[in-house]
Amino acid sequence: MMDRGRTEHDVQEIFEATQQSYQAAIDNTFALQEQTLEFARSLLEATAEALQAQSENNRATLESLIEQSRKQREAMENLVRESAKVYERLLQAPFSHSQPHQEFDKATEADEVRASKGNN
């Protein structure tokens, strides 16, 4: 009976960590979308001379958005991969929960995930 309670507790912890990580990824996605929309709006509202003067700044902004997108994609891939590993271990060895899930913890501590947690 004690093992079942422990298993339920571990599953709940995994679920909560996964839920928080997915929420952070979603929040990062919306923030990135807002930045992209703001950038697009500024392109539409600017005059030809202003566009020419801001071309270098716009290129830097686009590069930044691309880099943020890449980092977010990598963090999400890592999170999904590590979540799958944790769930697989949980299903394969239900009575060996005393081992910490370090890789999953590391995935949830990615810069993108921690930055989003600070925004909440």
PDB file of N, CA and C in Angstrom:
ATOM      1  N   MET A   1       0.829  -1.191   0.000  1.00  0.00           N
ATOM      2  CA  MET A   1       0.000   0.000   0.000  1.00  0.00           C
ATOM      3  C   MET A   1       0.877   1.261   0.000  1.00  0.00           C
ATOM      4  N   MET A   2       2.000   1.171   0.703  1.00  0.00           N
ATOM      5  CA  MET A   2       2.904   2.313   0.766  1.00  0.00           C
ATOM      6  C   MET A   2       3.499   2.604  -0.617  1.00  0.00           C
ATOM      7  N   ASP A   3       3.808   1.523  -1.377  1.00  0.00           N
ATOM      8  CA  ASP A   3       4.370   1.704  -2.706  1.00  0.00           C
ATOM      9  C   ASP A   3       3.380   2.390  -3.633  1.00  0.00           C
ATOM     10  N   ARG A   4       2.112   2.068  -3.515  1.00  0.00           N
ATOM     11  CA  ARG A   4       1.107   2.692  -4.379  1.00  0.00           C
ATOM     12  C   ARG A   4       1.005   4.191  -4.082  1.00  0.00           C
ATOM     13  N   GLY A   5       1.002   4.534  -2.808  1.00  0.00           N
ATOM     14  CA  GLY A   5       0.955   5.953  -2.437  1.00  0.00           C
ATOM     15  C   GLY A   5       2.179   6.688  -2.928  1.00  0.00           C
ATOM     16  N   ARG A   6       3.315   6.048  -2.838  1.00  0.00           N
ATOM     17  CA  ARG A   6       4.553   6.649  -3.304  1.00  0.00           C
ATOM     18  C   ARG A   6       4.511   6.832  -4.829  1.00  0.00           C
ATOM     19  N   THR A   7       4.028   5.814  -5.515  1.00  0.00           N
ATOM     20  CA  THR A   7       3.902   5.880  -6.969  1.00  0.00           C
ATOM     21  C   THR A   7       2.969   7.009  -7.374  1.00  0.00           C
ATOM     22  N   GLU A   8       1.847   7.120  -6.715  1.00  0.00           N
ATOM     23  CA  GLU A   8       0.904   8.192  -7.026  1.00  0.00           C
ATOM     24  C   GLU A   8       1.526   9.559  -6.780  1.00  0.00           C
ATOM     25  N   HIS A   9       2.267   9.660  -5.703  1.00  0.00           N
ATOM     26  CA  HIS A   9       2.937  10.919  -5.387  1.00  0.00           C
ATOM     27  C   HIS A   9       3.960  11.249  -6.478  1.00  0.00           C
ATOM     28  N   ASP A  10       4.771  10.253  -6.897  1.00  0.00           N
ATOM     29  CA  ASP A  10       5.765  10.473  -7.947  1.00  0.00           C
ATOM     30  C   ASP A  10       5.102  10.863  -9.258  1.00  0.00           C
ATOM     31  N   VAL A  11       4.027  10.192  -9.600  1.00  0.00           N
ATOM     32  CA  VAL A  11       3.308  10.512 -10.829  1.00  0.00           C
ATOM     33  C   VAL A  11       2.767  11.938 -10.764  1.00  0.00           C
ATOM     34  N   GLN A  12       2.237  12.318  -9.602  1.00  0.00           N
ATOM     35  CA  GLN A  12       1.723  13.681  -9.436  1.00  0.00           C
ATOM     36  C   GLN A  12       2.835  14.711  -9.590  1.00  0.00           C
ATOM     37  N   GLU A  13       4.011  14.425  -9.021  1.00  0.00           N
ATOM     38  CA  GLU A  13       5.136  15.349  -9.154  1.00  0.00           C
ATOM     39  C   GLU A  13       5.568  15.478 -10.609  1.00  0.00           C
ATOM     40  N   ILE A  14       5.637  14.343 -11.303  1.00  0.00           N
ATOM     41  CA  ILE A  14       6.018  14.370 -12.719  1.00  0.00           C
ATOM     42  C   ILE A  14       4.988  15.158 -13.512  1.00  0.00           C
ATOM     43  N   PHE A  15       3.717  14.903 -13.234  1.00  0.00           N
ATOM     44  CA  PHE A  15       2.648  15.610 -13.938  1.00  0.00           C
ATOM     45  C   PHE A  15       2.750  17.115 -13.709  1.00  0.00           C
ATOM     46  N   GLU A  16       2.967  17.527 -12.469  1.00  0.00           N
ATOM     47  CA  GLU A  16       3.036  18.952 -12.159  1.00  0.00           C
ATOM     48  C   GLU A  16       4.249  19.600 -12.820  1.00  0.00           C
ATOM     49  N   ALA A  17       5.401  18.920 -12.775  1.00  0.00           N
ATOM     50  CA  ALA A  17       6.600  19.474 -13.405  1.00  0.00           C
ATOM     51  C   ALA A  17       6.409  19.583 -14.913  1.00  0.00           C
ATOM     52  N   THR A  18       5.819  18.559 -15.500  1.00  0.00           N
ATOM     53  CA  THR A  18       5.567  18.580 -16.939  1.00  0.00           C
ATOM     54  C   THR A  18       4.584  19.683 -17.289  1.00  0.00           C
ATOM     55  N   GLN A  19       3.535  19.804 -16.493  1.00  0.00           N
ATOM     56  CA  GLN A  19       2.531  20.834 -16.742  1.00  0.00           C
ATOM     57  C   GLN A  19       3.164  22.229 -16.663  1.00  0.00           C
ATOM     58  N   GLN A  20       3.996  22.455 -15.662  1.00  0.00           N
ATOM     59  CA  GLN A  20       4.658  23.755 -15.530  1.00  0.00           C
ATOM     60  C   GLN A  20       5.588  24.021 -16.718  1.00  0.00           C
ATOM     61  N   SER A  21       6.298  22.984 -17.141  1.00  0.00           N
ATOM     62  CA  SER A  21       7.219  23.148 -18.263  1.00  0.00           C
ATOM     63  C   SER A  21       6.466  23.443 -19.555  1.00  0.00           C
ATOM     64  N   TYR A  22       5.374  22.715 -19.782  1.00  0.00           N
ATOM     65  CA  TYR A  22       4.574  22.983 -20.983  1.00  0.00           C
ATOM     66  C   TYR A  22       3.969  24.386 -20.915  1.00  0.00           C
ATOM     67  N   GLN A  23       3.533  24.810 -19.740  1.00  0.00           N
ATOM     68  CA  GLN A  23       2.977  26.160 -19.602  1.00  0.00           C
ATOM     69  C   GLN A  23       4.052  27.195 -19.906  1.00  0.00           C
ATOM     70  N   ALA A  24       5.261  26.952 -19.420  1.00  0.00           N
ATOM     71  CA  ALA A  24       6.362  27.872 -19.698  1.00  0.00           C
ATOM     72  C   ALA A  24       6.643  27.928 -21.196  1.00  0.00           C
ATOM     73  N   ALA A  25       6.632  26.774 -21.853  1.00  0.00           N
ATOM     74  CA  ALA A  25       6.874  26.739 -23.299  1.00  0.00           C
ATOM     75  C   ALA A  25       5.770  27.493 -24.040  1.00  0.00           C
ATOM     76  N   ILE A  26       4.542  27.317 -23.611  1.00  0.00           N
ATOM     77  CA  ILE A  26       3.419  28.028 -24.245  1.00  0.00           C
ATOM     78  C   ILE A  26       3.559  29.531 -24.028  1.00  0.00           C
ATOM     79  N   ASP A  27       3.896  29.924 -22.804  1.00  0.00           N
ATOM     80  CA  ASP A  27       4.084  31.347 -22.517  1.00  0.00           C
ATOM     81  C   ASP A  27       5.199  31.936 -23.382  1.00  0.00           C
ATOM     82  N   ASN A  28       6.308  31.181 -23.530  1.00  0.00           N
ATOM     83  CA  ASN A  28       7.408  31.648 -24.383  1.00  0.00           C
ATOM     84  C   ASN A  28       6.964  31.772 -25.831  1.00  0.00           C
ATOM     85  N   THR A  29       6.143  30.844 -26.280  1.00  0.00           N
ATOM     86  CA  THR A  29       5.644  30.883 -27.650  1.00  0.00           C
ATOM     87  C   THR A  29       4.796  32.133 -27.875  1.00  0.00           C
ATOM     88  N   PHE A  30       3.917  32.432 -26.931  1.00  0.00           N
ATOM     89  CA  PHE A  30       3.082  33.625 -27.065  1.00  0.00           C
ATOM     90  C   PHE A  30       3.929  34.900 -27.019  1.00  0.00           C
ATOM     91  N   ALA A  31       4.938  34.927 -26.164  1.00  0.00           N
ATOM     92  CA  ALA A  31       5.809  36.106 -26.095  1.00  0.00           C
ATOM     93  C   ALA A  31       6.551  36.296 -27.417  1.00  0.00           C
ATOM     94  N   LEU A  32       7.035  35.199 -27.975  1.00  0.00           N
ATOM     95  CA  LEU A  32       7.722  35.270 -29.258  1.00  0.00           C
ATOM     96  C   LEU A  32       6.770  35.722 -30.355  1.00  0.00           C
ATOM     97  N   GLN A  33       5.544  35.230 -30.315  1.00  0.00           N
ATOM     98  CA  GLN A  33       4.543  35.634 -31.307  1.00  0.00           C
ATOM     99  C   GLN A  33       4.246  37.132 -31.185  1.00  0.00           C
ATOM    100  N   GLU A  34       4.146  37.634 -29.964  1.00  0.00           N
ATOM    101  CA  GLU A  34       3.897  39.067 -29.766  1.00  0.00           C
ATOM    102  C   GLU A  34       5.041  39.904 -30.319  1.00  0.00           C
ATOM    103  N   GLN A  35       6.275  39.458 -30.084  1.00  0.00           N
ATOM    104  CA  GLN A  35       7.428  40.184 -30.613  1.00  0.00           C
ATOM    105  C   GLN A  35       7.415  40.187 -32.137  1.00  0.00           C
ATOM    106  N   THR A  36       7.079  39.059 -32.718  1.00  0.00           N
ATOM    107  CA  THR A  36       7.030  38.957 -34.177  1.00  0.00           C
ATOM    108  C   THR A  36       5.948  39.866 -34.745  1.00  0.00           C
ATOM    109  N   LEU A  37       4.780  39.870 -34.106  1.00  0.00           N
ATOM    110  CA  LEU A  37       3.697  40.746 -34.567  1.00  0.00           C
ATOM    111  C   LEU A  37       4.071  42.217 -34.436  1.00  0.00           C
ATOM    112  N   GLU A  38       4.718  42.580 -33.352  1.00  0.00           N
ATOM    113  CA  GLU A  38       5.149  43.972 -33.153  1.00  0.00           C
ATOM    114  C   GLU A  38       6.154  44.369 -34.231  1.00  0.00           C
ATOM    115  N   PHE A  39       7.048  43.463 -34.539  1.00  0.00           N
ATOM    116  CA  PHE A  39       8.022  43.718 -35.594  1.00  0.00           C
ATOM    117  C   PHE A  39       7.312  43.911 -36.936  1.00  0.00           C
ATOM    118  N   ALA A  40       6.366  43.033 -37.256  1.00  0.00           N
ATOM    119  CA  ALA A  40       5.620  43.138 -38.512  1.00  0.00           C
ATOM    120  C   ALA A  40       4.828  44.442 -38.565  1.00  0.00           C
ATOM    121  N   ARG A  41       4.214  44.818 -37.443  1.00  0.00           N
ATOM    122  CA  ARG A  41       3.456  46.067 -37.386  1.00  0.00           C
ATOM    123  C   ARG A  41       4.375  47.257 -37.658  1.00  0.00           C
ATOM    124  N   SER A  42       5.566  47.241 -37.070  1.00  0.00           N
ATOM    125  CA  SER A  42       6.487  48.357 -37.284  1.00  0.00           C
ATOM    126  C   SER A  42       6.915  48.438 -38.752  1.00  0.00           C
ATOM    127  N   LEU A  43       7.044  47.295 -39.414  1.00  0.00           N
ATOM    128  CA  LEU A  43       7.381  47.305 -40.845  1.00  0.00           C
ATOM    129  C   LEU A  43       6.263  47.937 -41.680  1.00  0.00           C
ATOM    130  N   LEU A  44       5.027  47.624 -41.334  1.00  0.00           N
ATOM    131  CA  LEU A  44       3.887  48.131 -42.090  1.00  0.00           C
ATOM    132  C   LEU A  44       3.653  49.624 -41.872  1.00  0.00           C
ATOM    133  N   GLU A  45       3.972  50.107 -40.692  1.00  0.00           N
ATOM    134  CA  GLU A  45       3.680  51.496 -40.347  1.00  0.00           C
ATOM    135  C   GLU A  45       4.816  52.456 -40.706  1.00  0.00           C
ATOM    136  N   ALA A  46       5.976  51.945 -41.003  1.00  0.00           N
ATOM    137  CA  ALA A  46       7.132  52.806 -41.244  1.00  0.00           C
ATOM    138  C   ALA A  46       7.143  53.339 -42.679  1.00  0.00           C
ATOM    139  N   THR A  47       7.732  54.517 -42.861  1.00  0.00           N
ATOM    140  CA  THR A  47       7.905  55.098 -44.196  1.00  0.00           C
ATOM    141  C   THR A  47       9.109  54.451 -44.864  1.00  0.00           C
ATOM    142  N   ALA A  48       9.266  54.703 -46.154  1.00  0.00           N
ATOM    143  CA  ALA A  48      10.380  54.118 -46.905  1.00  0.00           C
ATOM    144  C   ALA A  48      11.724  54.557 -46.330  1.00  0.00           C
ATOM    145  N   GLU A  49      11.834  55.855 -45.988  1.00  0.00           N
ATOM    146  CA  GLU A  49      13.099  56.346 -45.424  1.00  0.00           C
ATOM    147  C   GLU A  49      13.384  55.716 -44.073  1.00  0.00           C
ATOM    148  N   ALA A  50      12.346  55.577 -43.256  1.00  0.00           N
ATOM    149  CA  ALA A  50      12.521  54.972 -41.941  1.00  0.00           C
ATOM    150  C   ALA A  50      12.917  53.507 -42.081  1.00  0.00           C
ATOM    151  N   LEU A  51      12.318  52.829 -43.064  1.00  0.00           N
ATOM    152  CA  LEU A  51      12.684  51.430 -43.297  1.00  0.00           C
ATOM    153  C   LEU A  51      14.146  51.306 -43.700  1.00  0.00           C
ATOM    154  N   GLN A  52      14.583  52.198 -44.544  1.00  0.00           N
ATOM    155  CA  GLN A  52      15.974  52.160 -44.978  1.00  0.00           C
ATOM    156  C   GLN A  52      16.900  52.420 -43.794  1.00  0.00           C
ATOM    157  N   ALA A  53      16.562  53.382 -42.951  1.00  0.00           N
ATOM    158  CA  ALA A  53      17.390  53.692 -41.786  1.00  0.00           C
ATOM    159  C   ALA A  53      17.384  52.564 -40.758  1.00  0.00           C
ATOM    160  N   GLN A  54      16.286  51.826 -40.698  1.00  0.00           N
ATOM    161  CA  GLN A  54      16.160  50.768 -39.684  1.00  0.00           C
ATOM    162  C   GLN A  54      16.497  49.378 -40.213  1.00  0.00           C
ATOM    163  N   SER A  55      16.954  49.270 -41.441  1.00  0.00           N
ATOM    164  CA  SER A  55      17.171  47.944 -42.038  1.00  0.00           C
ATOM    165  C   SER A  55      18.148  47.096 -41.217  1.00  0.00           C
ATOM    166  N   GLU A  56      19.210  47.686 -40.750  1.00  0.00           N
ATOM    167  CA  GLU A  56      20.172  46.920 -39.941  1.00  0.00           C
ATOM    168  C   GLU A  56      19.559  46.494 -38.610  1.00  0.00           C
ATOM    169  N   ASN A  57      18.817  47.395 -38.008  1.00  0.00           N
ATOM    170  CA  ASN A  57      18.142  47.069 -36.748  1.00  0.00           C
ATOM    171  C   ASN A  57      17.118  45.947 -36.954  1.00  0.00           C
ATOM    172  N   ASN A  58      16.394  46.022 -38.057  1.00  0.00           N
ATOM    173  CA  ASN A  58      15.401  44.992 -38.361  1.00  0.00           C
ATOM    174  C   ASN A  58      16.053  43.636 -38.594  1.00  0.00           C
ATOM    175  N   ARG A  59      17.185  43.636 -39.278  1.00  0.00           N
ATOM    176  CA  ARG A  59      17.912  42.390 -39.510  1.00  0.00           C
ATOM    177  C   ARG A  59      18.350  41.788 -38.183  1.00  0.00           C
ATOM    178  N   ALA A  60      18.849  42.625 -37.288  1.00  0.00           N
ATOM    179  CA  ALA A  60      19.266  42.141 -35.966  1.00  0.00           C
ATOM    180  C   ALA A  60      18.068  41.597 -35.187  1.00  0.00           C
ATOM    181  N   THR A  61      16.923  42.271 -35.314  1.00  0.00           N
ATOM    182  CA  THR A  61      15.710  41.797 -34.636  1.00  0.00           C
ATOM    183  C   THR A  61      15.282  40.443 -35.180  1.00  0.00           C
ATOM    184  N   LEU A  62      15.321  40.295 -36.495  1.00  0.00           N
ATOM    185  CA  LEU A  62      14.965  39.014 -37.103  1.00  0.00           C
ATOM    186  C   LEU A  62      15.915  37.907 -36.653  1.00  0.00           C
ATOM    187  N   GLU A  63      17.193  38.204 -36.621  1.00  0.00           N
ATOM    188  CA  GLU A  63      18.163  37.208 -36.157  1.00  0.00           C
ATOM    189  C   GLU A  63      17.892  36.821 -34.708  1.00  0.00           C
ATOM    190  N   SER A  64      17.547  37.791 -33.897  1.00  0.00           N
ATOM    191  CA  SER A  64      17.220  37.520 -32.500  1.00  0.00           C
ATOM    192  C   SER A  64      15.982  36.635 -32.386  1.00  0.00           C
ATOM    193  N   LEU A  65      14.958  36.938 -33.192  1.00  0.00           N
ATOM    194  CA  LEU A  65      13.748  36.118 -33.181  1.00  0.00           C
ATOM    195  C   LEU A  65      14.042  34.688 -33.640  1.00  0.00           C
ATOM    196  N   ILE A  66      14.879  34.561 -34.646  1.00  0.00           N
ATOM    197  CA  ILE A  66      15.258  33.236 -35.132  1.00  0.00           C
ATOM    198  C   ILE A  66      15.989  32.462 -34.038  1.00  0.00           C
ATOM    199  N   GLU A  67      16.908  33.122 -33.360  1.00  0.00           N
ATOM    200  CA  GLU A  67      17.663  32.468 -32.287  1.00  0.00           C
ATOM    201  C   GLU A  67      16.745  32.079 -31.126  1.00  0.00           C
ATOM    202  N   GLN A  68      15.832  32.958 -30.756  1.00  0.00           N
ATOM    203  CA  GLN A  68      14.878  32.630 -29.691  1.00  0.00           C
ATOM    204  C   GLN A  68      14.008  31.447 -30.089  1.00  0.00           C
ATOM    205  N   SER A  69      13.572  31.429 -31.325  1.00  0.00           N
ATOM    206  CA  SER A  69      12.758  30.313 -31.817  1.00  0.00           C
ATOM    207  C   SER A  69      13.541  29.010 -31.763  1.00  0.00           C
ATOM    208  N   ARG A  70      14.799  29.062 -32.184  1.00  0.00           N
ATOM    209  CA  ARG A  70      15.644  27.868 -32.171  1.00  0.00           C
ATOM    210  C   ARG A  70      15.837  27.360 -30.749  1.00  0.00           C
ATOM    211  N   LYS A  71      16.154  28.265 -29.825  1.00  0.00           N
ATOM    212  CA  LYS A  71      16.351  27.867 -28.430  1.00  0.00           C
ATOM    213  C   LYS A  71      15.078  27.285 -27.838  1.00  0.00           C
ATOM    214  N   GLN A  72      13.964  27.901 -28.151  1.00  0.00           N
ATOM    215  CA  GLN A  72      12.692  27.409 -27.625  1.00  0.00           C
ATOM    216  C   GLN A  72      12.370  26.034 -28.195  1.00  0.00           C
ATOM    217  N   ARG A  73      12.608  25.852 -29.496  1.00  0.00           N
ATOM    218  CA  ARG A  73      12.372  24.544 -30.112  1.00  0.00           C
ATOM    219  C   ARG A  73      13.258  23.483 -29.469  1.00  0.00           C
ATOM    220  N   GLU A  74      14.523  23.806 -29.255  1.00  0.00           N
ATOM    221  CA  GLU A  74      15.438  22.858 -28.636  1.00  0.00           C
ATOM    222  C   GLU A  74      15.015  22.538 -27.204  1.00  0.00           C
ATOM    223  N   ALA A  75      14.604  23.558 -26.459  1.00  0.00           N
ATOM    224  CA  ALA A  75      14.164  23.333 -25.081  1.00  0.00           C
ATOM    225  C   ALA A  75      12.921  22.451 -25.056  1.00  0.00           C
ATOM    226  N   MET A  76      11.995  22.693 -25.986  1.00  0.00           N
ATOM    227  CA  MET A  76      10.774  21.887 -26.043  1.00  0.00           C
ATOM    228  C   MET A  76      11.097  20.452 -26.442  1.00  0.00           C
ATOM    229  N   GLU A  77      11.981  20.280 -27.424  1.00  0.00           N
ATOM    230  CA  GLU A  77      12.382  18.928 -27.821  1.00  0.00           C
ATOM    231  C   GLU A  77      13.025  18.191 -26.655  1.00  0.00           C
ATOM    232  N   ASN A  78      13.891  18.879 -25.938  1.00  0.00           N
ATOM    233  CA  ASN A  78      14.555  18.277 -24.782  1.00  0.00           C
ATOM    234  C   ASN A  78      13.535  17.930 -23.701  1.00  0.00           C
ATOM    235  N   LEU A  79      12.602  18.819 -23.464  1.00  0.00           N
ATOM    236  CA  LEU A  79      11.575  18.583 -22.460  1.00  0.00           C
ATOM    237  C   LEU A  79      10.736  17.363 -22.815  1.00  0.00           C
ATOM    238  N   VAL A  80      10.314  17.279 -24.066  1.00  0.00           N
ATOM    239  CA  VAL A  80       9.498  16.138 -24.506  1.00  0.00           C
ATOM    240  C   VAL A  80      10.309  14.851 -24.409  1.00  0.00           C
ATOM    241  N   ARG A  81      11.557  14.898 -24.853  1.00  0.00           N
ATOM    242  CA  ARG A  81      12.414  13.713 -24.807  1.00  0.00           C
ATOM    243  C   ARG A  81      12.613  13.238 -23.363  1.00  0.00           C
ATOM    244  N   GLU A  82      12.924  14.164 -22.467  1.00  0.00           N
ATOM    245  CA  GLU A  82      13.164  13.790 -21.074  1.00  0.00           C
ATOM    246  C   GLU A  82      11.872  13.357 -20.381  1.00  0.00           C
ATOM    247  N   SER A  83      10.761  13.977 -20.735  1.00  0.00           N
ATOM    248  CA  SER A  83       9.472  13.555 -20.171  1.00  0.00           C
ATOM    249  C   SER A  83       9.171  12.124 -20.580  1.00  0.00           C
ATOM    250  N   ALA A  84       9.423  11.813 -21.835  1.00  0.00           N
ATOM    251  CA  ALA A  84       9.179  10.451 -22.320  1.00  0.00           C
ATOM    252  C   ALA A  84      10.070   9.454 -21.594  1.00  0.00           C
ATOM    253  N   LYS A  85      11.331   9.824 -21.353  1.00  0.00           N
ATOM    254  CA  LYS A  85      12.233   8.932 -20.624  1.00  0.00           C
ATOM    255  C   LYS A  85      11.726   8.677 -19.205  1.00  0.00           C
ATOM    256  N   VAL A  86      11.274   9.743 -18.547  1.00  0.00           N
ATOM    257  CA  VAL A  86      10.782   9.605 -17.176  1.00  0.00           C
ATOM    258  C   VAL A  86       9.545   8.711 -17.151  1.00  0.00           C
ATOM    259  N   TYR A  87       8.625   8.943 -18.053  1.00  0.00           N
ATOM    260  CA  TYR A  87       7.412   8.116 -18.107  1.00  0.00           C
ATOM    261  C   TYR A  87       7.759   6.665 -18.421  1.00  0.00           C
ATOM    262  N   GLU A  88       8.719   6.467 -19.315  1.00  0.00           N
ATOM    263  CA  GLU A  88       9.124   5.106 -19.655  1.00  0.00           C
ATOM    264  C   GLU A  88       9.707   4.408 -18.428  1.00  0.00           C
ATOM    265  N   ARG A  89      10.587   5.112 -17.689  1.00  0.00           N
ATOM    266  CA  ARG A  89      11.142   4.535 -16.462  1.00  0.00           C
ATOM    267  C   ARG A  89      10.052   4.244 -15.447  1.00  0.00           C
ATOM    268  N   LEU A  90       9.094   5.144 -15.369  1.00  0.00           N
ATOM    269  CA  LEU A  90       8.006   4.963 -14.420  1.00  0.00           C
ATOM    270  C   LEU A  90       7.198   3.714 -14.763  1.00  0.00           C
ATOM    271  N   LEU A  91       6.957   3.499 -16.029  1.00  0.00           N
ATOM    272  CA  LEU A  91       6.196   2.323 -16.448  1.00  0.00           C
ATOM    273  C   LEU A  91       7.008   1.040 -16.338  1.00  0.00           C
ATOM    274  N   GLN A  92       8.304   1.106 -16.558  1.00  0.00           N
ATOM    275  CA  GLN A  92       9.136  -0.085 -16.529  1.00  0.00           C
ATOM    276  C   GLN A  92       9.499  -0.526 -15.113  1.00  0.00           C
ATOM    277  N   ALA A  93       9.640   0.391 -14.205  1.00  0.00           N
ATOM    278  CA  ALA A  93      10.087   0.039 -12.860  1.00  0.00           C
ATOM    279  C   ALA A  93       9.271   0.795 -11.822  1.00  0.00           C
ATOM    280  N   PRO A  94       8.022   0.395 -11.596  1.00  0.00           N
ATOM    281  CA  PRO A  94       7.157   1.153 -10.695  1.00  0.00           C
ATOM    282  C   PRO A  94       7.605   1.145  -9.236  1.00  0.00           C
ATOM    283  N   PHE A  95       8.483   0.239  -8.866  1.00  0.00           N
ATOM    284  CA  PHE A  95       8.891   0.173  -7.460  1.00  0.00           C
ATOM    285  C   PHE A  95      10.297   0.717  -7.220  1.00  0.00           C
ATOM    286  N   SER A  96      10.868   1.339  -8.195  1.00  0.00           N
ATOM    287  CA  SER A  96      12.217   1.888  -8.040  1.00  0.00           C
ATOM    288  C   SER A  96      12.202   3.406  -8.151  1.00  0.00           C
ATOM    289  N   HIS A  97      11.309   4.044  -7.453  1.00  0.00           N
ATOM    290  CA  HIS A  97      11.137   5.496  -7.561  1.00  0.00           C
ATOM    291  C   HIS A  97      12.100   6.285  -6.683  1.00  0.00           C
ATOM    292  N   SER A  98      12.920   5.610  -5.929  1.00  0.00           N
ATOM    293  CA  SER A  98      13.825   6.349  -5.053  1.00  0.00           C
ATOM    294  C   SER A  98      14.935   7.031  -5.831  1.00  0.00           C
ATOM    295  N   GLN A  99      15.131   6.666  -7.094  1.00  0.00           N
ATOM    296  CA  GLN A  99      16.146   7.295  -7.908  1.00  0.00           C
ATOM    297  C   GLN A  99      15.629   8.633  -8.441  1.00  0.00           C
ATOM    298  N   PRO A 100      16.433   9.695  -8.313  1.00  0.00           N
ATOM    299  CA  PRO A 100      15.980  11.006  -8.817  1.00  0.00           C
ATOM    300  C   PRO A 100      15.959  11.020 -10.344  1.00  0.00           C
ATOM    301  N   HIS A 101      15.139  11.837 -10.892  1.00  0.00           N
ATOM    302  CA  HIS A 101      15.002  11.987 -12.345  1.00  0.00           C
ATOM    303  C   HIS A 101      15.776  13.232 -12.758  1.00  0.00           C
ATOM    304  N   GLN A 102      17.097  13.101 -12.740  1.00  0.00           N
ATOM    305  CA  GLN A 102      17.963  14.253 -12.957  1.00  0.00           C
ATOM    306  C   GLN A 102      17.821  14.848 -14.345  1.00  0.00           C
ATOM    307  N   GLU A 103      17.708  14.028 -15.373  1.00  0.00           N
ATOM    308  CA  GLU A 103      17.603  14.559 -16.728  1.00  0.00           C
ATOM    309  C   GLU A 103      16.320  15.360 -16.914  1.00  0.00           C
ATOM    310  N   PHE A 104      15.228  14.877 -16.328  1.00  0.00           N
ATOM    311  CA  PHE A 104      13.957  15.605 -16.420  1.00  0.00           C
ATOM    312  C   PHE A 104      14.073  16.929 -15.672  1.00  0.00           C
ATOM    313  N   ASP A 105      14.684  16.886 -14.493  1.00  0.00           N
ATOM    314  CA  ASP A 105      14.867  18.116 -13.719  1.00  0.00           C
ATOM    315  C   ASP A 105      15.722  19.101 -14.508  1.00  0.00           C
ATOM    316  N   LYS A 106      16.752  18.603 -15.177  1.00  0.00           N
ATOM    317  CA  LYS A 106      17.619  19.469 -15.971  1.00  0.00           C
ATOM    318  C   LYS A 106      16.832  20.087 -17.128  1.00  0.00           C
ATOM    319  N   ALA A 107      15.965  19.313 -17.751  1.00  0.00           N
ATOM    320  CA  ALA A 107      15.166  19.836 -18.871  1.00  0.00           C
ATOM    321  C   ALA A 107      14.214  20.924 -18.400  1.00  0.00           C
ATOM    322  N   THR A 108      13.649  20.760 -17.211  1.00  0.00           N
ATOM    323  CA  THR A 108      12.711  21.769 -16.718  1.00  0.00           C
ATOM    324  C   THR A 108      13.428  23.022 -16.221  1.00  0.00           C
ATOM    325  N   GLU A 109      14.752  22.954 -16.091  1.00  0.00           N
ATOM    326  CA  GLU A 109      15.527  24.100 -15.635  1.00  0.00           C
ATOM    327  C   GLU A 109      16.188  24.849 -16.795  1.00  0.00           C
ATOM    328  N   ALA A 110      15.799  24.563 -18.017  1.00  0.00           N
ATOM    329  CA  ALA A 110      16.345  25.264 -19.174  1.00  0.00           C
ATOM    330  C   ALA A 110      16.061  26.754 -19.032  1.00  0.00           C
ATOM    331  N   ASP A 111      16.940  27.582 -19.605  1.00  0.00           N
ATOM    332  CA  ASP A 111      16.799  29.036 -19.495  1.00  0.00           C
ATOM    333  C   ASP A 111      15.423  29.509 -19.941  1.00  0.00           C
ATOM    334  N   GLU A 112      14.922  28.935 -21.030  1.00  0.00           N
ATOM    335  CA  GLU A 112      13.635  29.365 -21.549  1.00  0.00           C
ATOM    336  C   GLU A 112      12.505  29.046 -20.573  1.00  0.00           C
ATOM    337  N   VAL A 113      12.620  27.902 -19.909  1.00  0.00           N
ATOM    338  CA  VAL A 113      11.584  27.502 -18.958  1.00  0.00           C
ATOM    339  C   VAL A 113      11.657  28.372 -17.704  1.00  0.00           C
ATOM    340  N   ARG A 114      12.886  28.601 -17.204  1.00  0.00           N
ATOM    341  CA  ARG A 114      13.031  29.420 -16.000  1.00  0.00           C
ATOM    342  C   ARG A 114      12.618  30.863 -16.263  1.00  0.00           C
ATOM    343  N   ALA A 115      12.925  31.390 -17.437  1.00  0.00           N
ATOM    344  CA  ALA A 115      12.541  32.766 -17.766  1.00  0.00           C
ATOM    345  C   ALA A 115      11.034  32.909 -17.771  1.00  0.00           C
ATOM    346  N   SER A 116      10.356  31.923 -18.271  1.00  0.00           N
ATOM    347  CA  SER A 116       8.900  31.984 -18.321  1.00  0.00           C
ATOM    348  C   SER A 116       8.305  31.874 -16.920  1.00  0.00           C
ATOM    349  N   LYS A 117       8.925  31.064 -16.059  1.00  0.00           N
ATOM    350  CA  LYS A 117       8.425  30.926 -14.686  1.00  0.00           C
ATOM    351  C   LYS A 117       8.509  32.265 -13.964  1.00  0.00           C
ATOM    352  N   GLY A 118       9.521  33.046 -14.284  1.00  0.00           N
ATOM    353  CA  GLY A 118       9.669  34.367 -13.671  1.00  0.00           C
ATOM    354  C   GLY A 118       8.585  35.325 -14.138  1.00  0.00           C
ATOM    355  N   ASN A 119       8.032  35.090 -15.326  1.00  0.00           N
ATOM    356  CA  ASN A 119       6.974  35.969 -15.878  1.00  0.00           C
ATOM    357  C   ASN A 119       5.632  35.670 -15.252  1.00  0.00           C
ATOM    358  N   ASN A 120       5.471  34.516 -14.635  1.00  0.00           N
ATOM    359  CA  ASN A 120       4.167  34.125 -14.061  1.00  0.00           C
ATOM    360  C   ASN A 120       3.963  34.706 -12.705  1.00  0.00           C
TER     361      ASN A 120
END
